[in-house]
Amino acid sequence: MCRVCRGDDGHLYYPCLCTGSIKYVHQECLTEWLKYSKKEVCELCNYKYSFQPIYRHDMPKALPLAEILKGY
C-alpha cells in the first residue's frame, strides 16, 4: 500500500531506507509529494533521494518484433 495515497494499484517502489509497510510508494505520488514539500530527503528516515533517468523521454514503449528477431 502506498504511504501517500494509501492505494495498492500500480507498481510500488521503496526509494529510501524506511522499513515495513511505510516503505512503499507510487513513483507519481512521491514525485508530487516532493514538489509539494520542496524537500530532497525522506521525512521519516532522512534518506536523500537520488533520481537518475534510465530511459530517454522519446524511447518507444516496446521494441518492434522485427528488431527482437534480428538477434536470432
C-alpha atoms as a PDB file:
ATOM      1  CA  MET A   1       0.000   0.000   0.000  1.00  0.00           C
ATOM      2  CA  CYS A   2       1.325   3.446  -0.965  1.00  0.00           C
ATOM      3  CA  ARG A   3       2.139   5.550   2.085  1.00  0.00           C
ATOM      4  CA  VAL A   4       0.986   8.723   0.314  1.00  0.00           C
ATOM      5  CA  CYS A   5      -2.313   7.823  -1.380  1.00  0.00           C
ATOM      6  CA  ARG A   6      -2.979   4.564   0.525  1.00  0.00           C
ATOM      7  CA  GLY A   7      -3.717   2.809  -2.784  1.00  0.00           C
ATOM      8  CA  ASP A   8      -2.330  -0.567  -3.768  1.00  0.00           C
ATOM      9  CA  ASP A   9      -2.880  -0.423  -7.521  1.00  0.00           C
ATOM     10  CA  GLY A  10       0.096   0.075  -9.822  1.00  0.00           C
ATOM     11  CA  HIS A  11       3.784  -0.529  -9.199  1.00  0.00           C
ATOM     12  CA  LEU A  12       5.058   0.347  -5.729  1.00  0.00           C
ATOM     13  CA  TYR A  13       8.660   1.403  -5.092  1.00  0.00           C
ATOM     14  CA  TYR A  14      10.773   1.637  -1.962  1.00  0.00           C
ATOM     15  CA  PRO A  15      13.076   4.603  -2.666  1.00  0.00           C
ATOM     16  CA  CYS A  16      14.500   5.155   0.828  1.00  0.00           C
ATOM     17  CA  LEU A  17      15.591   3.293   3.948  1.00  0.00           C
ATOM     18  CA  CYS A  18      12.153   3.077   5.576  1.00  0.00           C
ATOM     19  CA  THR A  19      11.027  -0.419   6.512  1.00  0.00           C
ATOM     20  CA  GLY A  20       7.739  -2.207   6.919  1.00  0.00           C
ATOM     21  CA  SER A  21       4.568  -1.030   5.242  1.00  0.00           C
ATOM     22  CA  ILE A  22       5.670   2.633   5.159  1.00  0.00           C
ATOM     23  CA  LYS A  23       8.487   1.916   2.714  1.00  0.00           C
ATOM     24  CA  TYR A  24       6.186   1.578  -0.321  1.00  0.00           C
ATOM     25  CA  VAL A  25       5.163   4.483  -2.538  1.00  0.00           C
ATOM     26  CA  HIS A  26       3.989   5.053  -6.114  1.00  0.00           C
ATOM     27  CA  GLN A  27       6.503   6.976  -8.217  1.00  0.00           C
ATOM     28  CA  GLU A  28       3.861   9.549  -9.145  1.00  0.00           C
ATOM     29  CA  CYS A  29       2.859  10.045  -5.511  1.00  0.00           C
ATOM     30  CA  LEU A  30       6.457  10.541  -4.407  1.00  0.00           C
ATOM     31  CA  THR A  31       7.141  12.981  -7.240  1.00  0.00           C
ATOM     32  CA  GLU A  32       4.083  15.052  -6.361  1.00  0.00           C
ATOM     33  CA  TRP A  33       4.885  14.970  -2.658  1.00  0.00           C
ATOM     34  CA  LEU A  34       8.465  16.133  -3.263  1.00  0.00           C
ATOM     35  CA  LYS A  35       7.216  19.013  -5.427  1.00  0.00           C
ATOM     36  CA  TYR A  36       4.742  19.999  -2.720  1.00  0.00           C
ATOM     37  CA  SER A  37       7.116  19.657   0.237  1.00  0.00           C
ATOM     38  CA  LYS A  38      10.180  21.056  -1.595  1.00  0.00           C
ATOM     39  CA  LYS A  39      12.365  18.518   0.213  1.00  0.00           C
ATOM     40  CA  GLU A  40      15.027  16.179  -1.127  1.00  0.00           C
ATOM     41  CA  VAL A  41      15.060  13.751   1.783  1.00  0.00           C
ATOM     42  CA  CYS A  42      12.610  11.273   3.260  1.00  0.00           C
ATOM     43  CA  GLU A  43      10.886  12.934   6.184  1.00  0.00           C
ATOM     44  CA  LEU A  44      10.846   9.641   8.092  1.00  0.00           C
ATOM     45  CA  CYS A  45      14.357   8.176   7.659  1.00  0.00           C
ATOM     46  CA  ASN A  46      16.222  11.257   6.312  1.00  0.00           C
ATOM     47  CA  TYR A  47      17.476   9.332   3.264  1.00  0.00           C
ATOM     48  CA  LYS A  48      18.445  11.719   0.450  1.00  0.00           C
ATOM     49  CA  TYR A  49      16.524  10.749  -2.668  1.00  0.00           C
ATOM     50  CA  SER A  50      18.564  10.488  -5.836  1.00  0.00           C
ATOM     51  CA  PHE A  51      16.871  10.159  -9.184  1.00  0.00           C
ATOM     52  CA  GLN A  52      18.651   9.066 -12.314  1.00  0.00           C
ATOM     53  CA  PRO A  53      16.771   8.808 -15.601  1.00  0.00           C
ATOM     54  CA  ILE A  54      17.107   5.391 -17.200  1.00  0.00           C
ATOM     55  CA  TYR A  55      15.314   5.984 -20.488  1.00  0.00           C
ATOM     56  CA  ARG A  56      15.071   8.961 -22.797  1.00  0.00           C
ATOM     57  CA  HIS A  57      11.640  10.574 -22.989  1.00  0.00           C
ATOM     58  CA  ASP A  58      11.270   9.587 -26.666  1.00  0.00           C
ATOM     59  CA  MET A  59      12.018   5.884 -26.198  1.00  0.00           C
ATOM     60  CA  PRO A  60       9.387   3.513 -27.607  1.00  0.00           C
ATOM     61  CA  LYS A  61       7.312   1.616 -25.054  1.00  0.00           C
ATOM     62  CA  ALA A  62       8.218  -1.679 -26.743  1.00  0.00           C
ATOM     63  CA  LEU A  63      10.641  -2.917 -29.382  1.00  0.00           C
ATOM     64  CA  PRO A  64       9.238  -3.890 -32.767  1.00  0.00           C
ATOM     65  CA  LEU A  65       9.107  -7.671 -33.221  1.00  0.00           C
ATOM     66  CA  ALA A  66      11.470  -7.449 -36.229  1.00  0.00           C
ATOM     67  CA  GLU A  67      14.159  -5.886 -34.000  1.00  0.00           C
ATOM     68  CA  ILE A  68      13.791  -8.654 -31.433  1.00  0.00           C
ATOM     69  CA  LEU A  69      14.033 -11.405 -34.044  1.00  0.00           C
ATOM     70  CA  LYS A  70      17.210  -9.940 -35.619  1.00  0.00           C
ATOM     71  CA  GLY A  71      19.240 -11.416 -32.770  1.00  0.00           C
ATOM     72  CA  TYR A  72      18.268 -15.000 -33.636  1.00  0.00           C
END
